[in-house]
Protein backbone atom coordinates (compact mmCIF):
# COMPACT_ATOMS: atom_id res chain seq x y z
CA MET A 1 -47.49 0.80 -55.61
CA LYS A 2 -46.01 -1.05 -58.90
CA ILE A 3 -45.28 1.70 -61.92
CA ILE A 4 -47.72 0.55 -64.10
CA LYS A 5 -46.56 1.02 -68.29
CA LEU A 6 -48.96 1.03 -71.25
CA LYS A 7 -47.42 1.56 -74.47
CA ILE A 8 -49.27 3.69 -77.28
CA LYS A 9 -48.41 2.62 -80.83
CA THR A 10 -50.21 4.79 -83.00
CA PHE A 11 -48.71 5.07 -87.17
CA THR A 12 -47.02 7.82 -86.89
CA GLN A 13 -46.06 7.60 -83.03
CA LYS A 14 -44.93 5.31 -80.16
CA TYR A 15 -44.91 6.83 -76.53
CA SER A 16 -45.72 5.41 -73.08
CA ILE A 17 -47.84 6.22 -70.65
CA PHE A 18 -46.52 5.83 -66.82
CA ILE A 19 -48.90 5.27 -64.10
CA GLY A 20 -47.89 5.36 -60.25
CA ARG A 21 -47.09 7.72 -57.20
CA ASN A 22 -44.43 9.55 -56.21
CA LEU A 23 -43.93 9.64 -59.72
CA VAL A 24 -43.23 13.71 -60.40
CA TYR A 25 -40.66 14.20 -58.16
CA LYS A 26 -38.34 11.47 -60.53
CA ILE A 27 -39.57 13.31 -63.65
CA SER A 28 -35.85 14.08 -65.38
CA LYS A 29 -34.67 10.69 -64.33
CA ILE A 30 -37.86 9.58 -66.23
CA LEU A 31 -37.24 11.56 -69.29
CA LYS A 32 -33.69 10.51 -69.30
CA ASN A 33 -34.77 6.84 -68.99
CA ASN A 34 -36.68 7.55 -71.71
CA SER A 35 -33.65 8.82 -73.92
CA ILE A 36 -35.21 12.20 -74.03
CA LYS A 37 -32.66 14.50 -74.38
CA TYR A 38 -32.71 18.60 -74.34
CA ASN A 39 -31.14 21.76 -72.66
CA LYS A 40 -34.19 24.25 -72.00
CA CYS A 41 -37.59 22.99 -70.80
CA LEU A 42 -40.31 25.29 -69.97
CA LEU A 43 -43.13 24.24 -67.55
CA VAL A 44 -46.16 25.03 -67.98
CA VAL A 45 -48.15 24.32 -64.71
CA ASP A 46 -51.64 24.92 -63.41
CA LYS A 47 -51.97 27.70 -60.83
CA ASN A 48 -53.62 24.99 -58.50
CA VAL A 49 -50.80 22.37 -58.61
CA PRO A 50 -49.58 22.83 -54.88
CA ASN A 51 -46.72 25.27 -54.84
CA LYS A 52 -45.05 22.16 -52.49
CA ILE A 53 -45.25 19.83 -55.53
CA LEU A 54 -43.86 22.18 -57.79
CA ASN A 55 -40.44 23.15 -55.26
CA LYS A 56 -40.12 19.60 -55.63
CA ILE A 57 -40.77 18.70 -58.78
CA LYS A 58 -38.64 21.43 -59.86
CA LYS A 59 -35.25 20.19 -57.52
CA SER A 60 -35.45 17.28 -59.71
CA PHE A 61 -33.85 19.20 -62.76
CA LYS A 62 -30.64 19.15 -61.30
CA ASN A 63 -28.21 20.74 -64.33
CA LYS A 64 -30.88 21.73 -66.33
CA LYS A 65 -32.15 25.14 -67.62
CA ILE A 66 -36.10 25.84 -66.67
CA TYR A 67 -38.27 27.98 -66.93
CA ILE A 68 -41.75 27.99 -65.42
CA HIS A 69 -44.97 29.62 -66.86
CA PHE A 70 -48.32 29.85 -65.02
CA PHE A 71 -51.44 29.17 -66.73
CA ASN A 72 -55.08 30.07 -65.09
CA ALA A 73 -56.62 26.68 -66.47
CA ASN A 74 -60.41 26.98 -67.17
CA GLU A 75 -62.20 26.80 -70.31
CA LYS A 76 -62.51 31.35 -71.21
CA ASN A 77 -58.72 31.21 -71.31
CA LYS A 78 -58.06 28.28 -73.14
CA ASN A 79 -57.87 30.78 -76.48
CA GLN A 80 -55.54 31.79 -78.55
CA LYS A 81 -54.45 35.12 -76.49
CA ASN A 82 -53.14 32.29 -73.95
CA VAL A 83 -50.87 30.50 -76.61
CA ASP A 84 -49.46 33.47 -77.54
CA LYS A 85 -48.22 34.27 -74.14
CA ILE A 86 -46.35 30.92 -74.07
CA LEU A 87 -45.12 31.13 -77.30
CA LYS A 88 -43.58 34.70 -76.15
CA VAL A 89 -41.73 33.02 -73.37
CA LEU A 90 -40.39 29.94 -75.69
CA LEU A 91 -39.07 32.76 -78.48
CA GLU A 92 -37.19 35.25 -76.18
CA LYS A 93 -35.74 32.46 -74.25
CA ASN A 94 -34.59 30.96 -77.52
CA PHE A 95 -36.26 27.63 -77.47
CA SER A 96 -35.19 25.46 -80.36
CA ARG A 97 -36.86 22.04 -81.40
CA LYS A 98 -35.00 19.67 -79.48
CA ASP A 99 -35.69 21.63 -76.13
CA CYS A 100 -38.42 20.69 -74.12
CA LEU A 101 -42.48 21.71 -73.00
CA ILE A 102 -43.85 19.85 -70.03
CA ALA A 103 -47.85 20.28 -69.50
CA ILE A 104 -48.40 20.28 -65.26
CA GLY A 105 -52.15 20.27 -64.83
CA GLY A 106 -55.25 19.17 -66.08
CA GLY A 107 -56.80 18.41 -69.53
CA ILE A 108 -57.22 22.20 -70.23
CA THR A 109 -53.45 22.85 -69.91
CA GLY A 110 -51.72 20.23 -71.12
CA ASP A 111 -54.49 20.75 -74.67
CA VAL A 112 -53.06 24.51 -74.98
CA SER A 113 -49.22 23.27 -73.83
CA ALA A 114 -49.43 20.77 -76.61
CA PHE A 115 -50.90 23.21 -79.28
CA VAL A 116 -48.01 25.32 -78.50
CA ALA A 117 -45.53 22.44 -78.54
CA SER A 118 -47.36 21.18 -82.43
CA ILE A 119 -46.53 24.82 -83.72
CA PHE A 120 -43.93 26.15 -82.51
CA LYS A 121 -41.06 25.53 -85.01
CA ARG A 122 -43.27 23.00 -86.31
CA GLY A 123 -42.90 20.77 -83.58
CA LEU A 124 -40.97 20.96 -80.00
CA GLN A 125 -40.51 18.06 -77.57
CA PHE A 126 -43.79 17.67 -75.60
CA ILE A 127 -44.68 15.76 -72.26
CA ASN A 128 -47.56 15.59 -70.53
CA VAL A 129 -48.12 15.15 -66.84
CA PRO A 130 -52.02 15.42 -66.60
CA THR A 131 -52.97 16.43 -62.38
CA THR A 132 -56.47 15.30 -62.87
CA LEU A 133 -58.70 12.35 -62.86
CA LEU A 134 -60.30 14.02 -66.23
CA SER A 135 -56.95 14.32 -67.50
CA GLN A 136 -55.31 11.23 -66.73
CA VAL A 137 -57.79 9.03 -68.70
CA ASP A 138 -58.39 11.01 -71.40
CA SER A 139 -57.25 14.39 -72.60
CA SER A 140 -53.50 13.28 -72.03
CA ILE A 141 -53.80 9.81 -74.43
CA GLY A 142 -54.09 10.58 -77.75
CA GLY A 143 -53.05 13.30 -79.48
CA LYS A 144 -55.51 15.96 -79.20
CA THR A 145 -54.87 19.59 -78.90
CA GLY A 146 -56.79 22.58 -78.99
CA ILE A 147 -58.37 26.22 -78.38
CA ASN A 148 -61.73 27.65 -77.92
CA THR A 149 -63.80 30.08 -79.73
CA THR A 150 -66.96 32.36 -79.76
CA PHE A 151 -68.04 29.60 -82.55
CA GLY A 152 -67.93 26.97 -80.47
CA LYS A 153 -64.96 24.41 -78.32
CA ASN A 154 -61.61 22.82 -79.59
CA LEU A 155 -62.28 23.94 -83.43
CA ILE A 156 -59.05 25.27 -83.50
CA GLY A 157 -56.33 22.51 -82.98
CA SER A 158 -54.41 19.88 -84.30
CA PHE A 159 -53.25 16.15 -83.47
CA TYR A 160 -49.68 15.73 -81.51
CA HIS A 161 -48.23 13.56 -79.40
CA PRO A 162 -46.66 13.77 -76.70
CA LYS A 163 -43.47 12.26 -76.40
CA LEU A 164 -44.41 11.15 -72.45
CA VAL A 165 -47.27 10.64 -70.13
CA ILE A 166 -46.34 11.22 -66.87
CA THR A 167 -49.68 9.95 -64.71
CA ASP A 168 -49.19 10.36 -60.82
CA ILE A 169 -52.26 9.12 -58.88
CA ASP A 170 -50.71 11.77 -56.12
CA PHE A 171 -52.34 14.70 -57.63
CA LEU A 172 -55.43 13.49 -57.34
CA LYS A 173 -55.25 14.29 -53.45
CA SER A 174 -54.79 17.83 -54.42
CA ILE A 175 -58.05 18.38 -56.33
CA SER A 176 -61.72 18.84 -55.26
CA LYS A 177 -64.16 16.52 -55.28
CA ARG A 178 -66.28 17.91 -57.83
CA ASP A 179 -63.03 17.38 -60.08
CA VAL A 180 -63.24 13.86 -59.48
CA ILE A 181 -66.45 13.47 -60.60
CA CYS A 182 -65.63 15.20 -63.76
CA GLY A 183 -62.83 12.43 -64.27
CA TYR A 184 -65.51 9.32 -63.44
CA GLY A 185 -67.82 10.68 -66.07
CA GLU A 186 -64.71 10.10 -68.62
CA ILE A 187 -64.39 6.79 -66.79
CA LEU A 188 -68.22 5.87 -67.20
CA LYS A 189 -67.91 6.67 -70.91
CA HIS A 190 -65.38 3.99 -71.42
CA SER A 191 -67.56 1.55 -69.92
CA LEU A 192 -70.51 2.53 -71.62
CA ILE A 193 -68.79 2.26 -75.33
CA ALA A 194 -66.09 -0.82 -74.86
CA ASN A 195 -66.25 -2.89 -71.83
CA LYS A 196 -69.33 -4.13 -70.17
CA LYS A 197 -67.70 -6.23 -67.77
CA PHE A 198 -65.63 -2.65 -66.90
CA TYR A 199 -68.95 -0.99 -66.10
CA LYS A 200 -69.93 -4.00 -63.83
CA TYR A 201 -66.93 -3.11 -61.78
CA LEU A 202 -67.43 0.55 -61.60
CA GLU A 203 -71.14 -0.42 -60.15
CA LYS A 204 -69.82 -2.34 -57.91
CA ASN A 205 -66.41 0.21 -57.06
CA SER A 206 -68.02 3.85 -57.94
CA THR A 207 -68.00 4.83 -54.15
CA LYS A 208 -64.34 4.03 -53.62
CA ILE A 209 -63.11 5.15 -56.76
CA LEU A 210 -64.72 8.56 -56.71
CA ASN A 211 -62.94 8.58 -52.46
CA LEU A 212 -59.61 7.81 -54.17
CA LYS A 213 -59.04 4.07 -52.51
CA SER A 214 -56.37 2.04 -53.66
CA PRO A 215 -56.50 -0.05 -55.97
CA PHE A 216 -59.73 1.22 -56.99
CA VAL A 217 -59.05 4.24 -58.54
CA GLU A 218 -55.80 2.35 -60.16
CA LYS A 219 -57.38 0.17 -61.68
CA SER A 220 -60.16 2.49 -63.03
CA ILE A 221 -57.44 5.07 -64.64
CA TYR A 222 -55.37 1.86 -66.15
CA GLU A 223 -58.20 0.04 -67.84
CA SER A 224 -60.05 3.50 -68.54
CA CYS A 225 -56.60 4.30 -70.83
CA LYS A 226 -56.69 0.91 -72.05
CA ILE A 227 -59.80 1.40 -73.98
CA LYS A 228 -58.60 4.88 -75.43
CA LYS A 229 -55.46 3.05 -75.61
CA LYS A 230 -57.34 0.46 -78.66
CA PHE A 231 -59.60 3.73 -80.27
CA VAL A 232 -55.98 5.91 -81.22
CA GLU A 233 -54.14 3.05 -82.37
CA LYS A 234 -56.78 1.78 -84.45
CA ASP A 235 -57.85 5.46 -86.08
CA GLU A 236 -54.84 8.38 -84.93
CA ASP A 237 -56.78 10.86 -86.73
CA GLU A 238 -60.21 10.63 -85.64
CA MET A 239 -61.52 9.69 -89.20
CA GLY A 240 -63.82 7.18 -88.19
CA PHE A 241 -63.48 4.54 -85.21
CA ARG A 242 -62.53 6.76 -82.87
CA LYS A 243 -65.42 9.21 -83.82
CA ILE A 244 -67.12 6.72 -80.79
CA LEU A 245 -65.38 8.08 -78.36
CA ASN A 246 -67.16 11.21 -78.63
CA PHE A 247 -70.46 9.38 -77.42
CA GLY A 248 -72.09 12.39 -75.19
CA HIS A 249 -69.87 14.55 -75.99
CA THR A 250 -71.49 16.58 -78.84
CA PHE A 251 -74.54 17.38 -76.49
CA ALA A 252 -71.50 18.03 -73.75
CA HIS A 253 -69.83 20.70 -75.55
CA SER A 254 -72.95 22.38 -76.69
CA TYR A 255 -73.96 22.22 -73.03
CA GLU A 256 -70.87 24.06 -72.21
CA ALA A 257 -70.99 26.44 -75.00
CA SER A 258 -74.18 27.71 -74.16
CA LEU A 259 -73.43 28.26 -70.82
CA GLY A 260 -70.17 30.49 -72.47
CA TYR A 261 -67.84 28.23 -70.32
CA SER A 262 -68.85 28.88 -66.63
CA ASN A 263 -68.50 27.38 -63.35
CA LYS A 264 -72.30 26.48 -63.25
CA LEU A 265 -71.19 22.79 -65.41
CA ASN A 266 -67.67 22.31 -66.10
CA HIS A 267 -66.70 19.60 -69.07
CA GLY A 268 -66.65 16.53 -67.15
CA GLU A 269 -70.29 17.15 -65.65
CA ALA A 270 -71.16 18.44 -69.09
CA VAL A 271 -69.78 14.93 -70.86
CA ILE A 272 -72.46 12.99 -67.76
CA LEU A 273 -75.06 15.60 -68.53
CA GLY A 274 -74.54 14.60 -72.13
CA ILE A 275 -74.12 10.69 -71.70
CA SER A 276 -77.94 11.39 -69.76
CA SER A 277 -79.09 13.21 -72.84
CA ALA A 278 -77.21 10.19 -75.44
CA ILE A 279 -78.80 7.29 -73.84
CA ARG A 280 -82.30 9.01 -73.50
CA PHE A 281 -82.25 9.69 -77.19
CA SER A 282 -80.91 6.39 -77.58
CA HIS A 283 -83.77 4.91 -75.68
CA GLU A 284 -86.32 6.92 -77.31
CA ASN A 285 -85.15 6.27 -81.35
CA LYS A 286 -85.01 2.20 -80.27
CA LEU A 287 -81.68 1.65 -80.31
CA LEU A 288 -80.86 0.93 -76.15
CA ASN A 289 -83.19 -1.26 -74.88
CA ILE A 290 -85.08 -0.19 -71.40
CA ILE A 291 -82.66 -2.44 -69.23
CA ASP A 292 -79.55 -0.89 -69.75
CA TYR A 293 -80.85 2.39 -69.88
CA ASN A 294 -82.46 2.21 -66.38
CA SER A 295 -79.32 0.43 -65.01
CA ILE A 296 -76.99 3.56 -66.68
CA LEU A 297 -79.49 6.22 -64.93
CA LYS A 298 -79.68 4.49 -61.76
CA HIS A 299 -76.08 4.43 -61.74
CA ILE A 300 -75.81 8.21 -62.14
CA LYS A 301 -78.70 9.27 -60.28
CA GLU A 302 -77.33 7.15 -57.16
CA LEU A 303 -74.15 8.84 -57.33
CA LYS A 304 -75.90 12.02 -57.72
CA LEU A 305 -74.05 13.10 -61.03
CA PRO A 306 -75.42 15.69 -63.53
CA SER A 307 -78.84 14.20 -64.92
CA LYS A 308 -81.57 16.30 -65.71
CA LEU A 309 -81.26 19.24 -68.15
CA SER A 310 -84.31 21.29 -66.67
CA GLU A 311 -81.42 22.23 -63.84
CA TYR A 312 -79.28 24.34 -66.19
CA PHE A 313 -81.37 24.79 -69.17
CA SER A 314 -84.88 26.12 -70.20
CA LEU A 315 -86.95 26.26 -73.80
CA ARG A 316 -85.78 29.53 -74.73
CA ASP A 317 -82.25 28.19 -74.78
CA ILE A 318 -82.92 25.11 -76.88
CA SER A 319 -82.15 27.17 -80.31
CA LYS A 320 -78.68 28.29 -78.38
CA ILE A 321 -77.73 24.87 -77.68
CA LEU A 322 -78.53 23.08 -81.28
CA SER A 323 -76.92 26.12 -82.96
CA PHE A 324 -73.93 24.71 -80.86
CA MET A 325 -74.49 21.19 -82.19
CA SER A 326 -74.53 21.86 -85.61
CA LYS A 327 -70.84 23.72 -85.08
CA ASP A 328 -69.87 20.62 -84.02
CA LYS A 329 -66.48 19.77 -85.38
CA LYS A 330 -67.27 16.10 -85.90
CA ASN A 331 -70.11 17.48 -88.63
CA ASP A 332 -69.48 17.68 -92.28
CA SER A 333 -72.92 19.06 -93.23
CA GLU A 334 -76.31 20.77 -92.11
CA MET A 335 -76.76 17.17 -90.11
CA ILE A 336 -75.73 17.12 -86.62
CA ASN A 337 -73.90 13.81 -86.35
CA LEU A 338 -74.14 11.60 -83.06
CA ILE A 339 -72.87 8.29 -81.44
CA LEU A 340 -75.48 6.51 -80.05
CA LEU A 341 -75.48 3.68 -77.72
CA LYS A 342 -77.21 0.13 -78.84
CA LYS A 343 -76.41 -1.78 -75.21
CA ILE A 344 -74.02 -1.66 -72.45
CA GLY A 345 -70.37 -2.12 -74.24
CA THR A 346 -71.74 -1.34 -77.66
CA PRO A 347 -72.09 2.07 -79.33
CA VAL A 348 -73.55 3.31 -82.59
CA LYS A 349 -71.46 4.86 -85.43
CA SER A 350 -72.19 8.27 -86.63
CA LYS A 351 -76.07 8.88 -86.67
CA VAL A 352 -77.15 12.21 -88.45
CA TYR A 353 -80.34 13.94 -87.24
CA THR A 354 -81.87 17.38 -88.05
CA LYS A 355 -82.35 20.52 -85.68
CA LYS A 356 -86.02 20.23 -86.52
CA TYR A 357 -85.75 16.15 -84.75
CA LEU A 358 -83.65 17.07 -82.19
CA LYS A 359 -85.39 20.25 -81.11
CA LYS A 360 -88.43 17.79 -80.66
CA PHE A 361 -85.99 15.85 -78.38
CA PHE A 362 -84.94 18.71 -76.16
CA ASN A 363 -88.40 19.85 -76.26
CA GLN A 364 -89.90 16.89 -74.70
CA ILE A 365 -87.22 16.28 -72.02
CA LEU A 366 -86.97 19.99 -71.50
CA ILE A 367 -90.78 20.20 -70.22
CA ASN A 368 -91.19 16.56 -68.40
């Protein structure tokens, strides 16, 4: 497969995304070819990355001092305690701002590592090597970093762009089917908010994508990245236009937090469940027409993706869900801010609703 290169150009930063196969075995060479200079390098590695791959990555760094910090990537470990552990390594090994931190893992590993890079000596060179479908199409692009607190998801963080993103499709062979589904949730979201033609492509080829068939998975990653690129370049700091990318996420983040970030519902599954909630809310508020609503719901159900809120929550959970929704970082008042859908490819920017109004909605969908 030919390497695909995508350029991200924001107001403050320019960097490239490389998409292809067998790229991680050439990391050192790719860094050199892109004029990224460093003396020392810390690899923050998700424990799920196979040793066979990691050993080959290590061999690519000839004549460079490299250190490895293994990270047990889950939502509960996406916290200040683990940030401090990585900072301790950088401080003990006397890293300078001209040195390099490389995240090799999924979105959680990337988010935590990027946050560390942003605060270490006010900015360390950061390279993102996303290893899951979810991180390849979403979190590795756009410069968002963040950690969780007991008050909610990603409430502590910064905007800090990588110097480079290296997306190796071969990593996907090592992840579970459940993790592939997680990534598909973000791919689906991107099609719904920006590109009906891409949505039709997903309708036709979703099974092939979920089975990681070429060239379908490569095309879906590339098209998804292009959509996110458009939003990031127009609104780097998420002051307006970029908020559209949060379609389904205000629901999703509250579902994750309400379940204590447990394995019962991971981030990608929560996003799919959040999309299901958002399209129903859009339809019931006379925004989304019945044809598009039924089309999206049918697509989700046919793939056996999460769609029924009652499988995860009961009526007694509504107050907890609403509490987390009201604490969402996108809100700037007591009202809850939602991104909704007018039709496939056309989102509705920022509508606000009261807790009372949303309580009626949750009561209805949890009873029916």
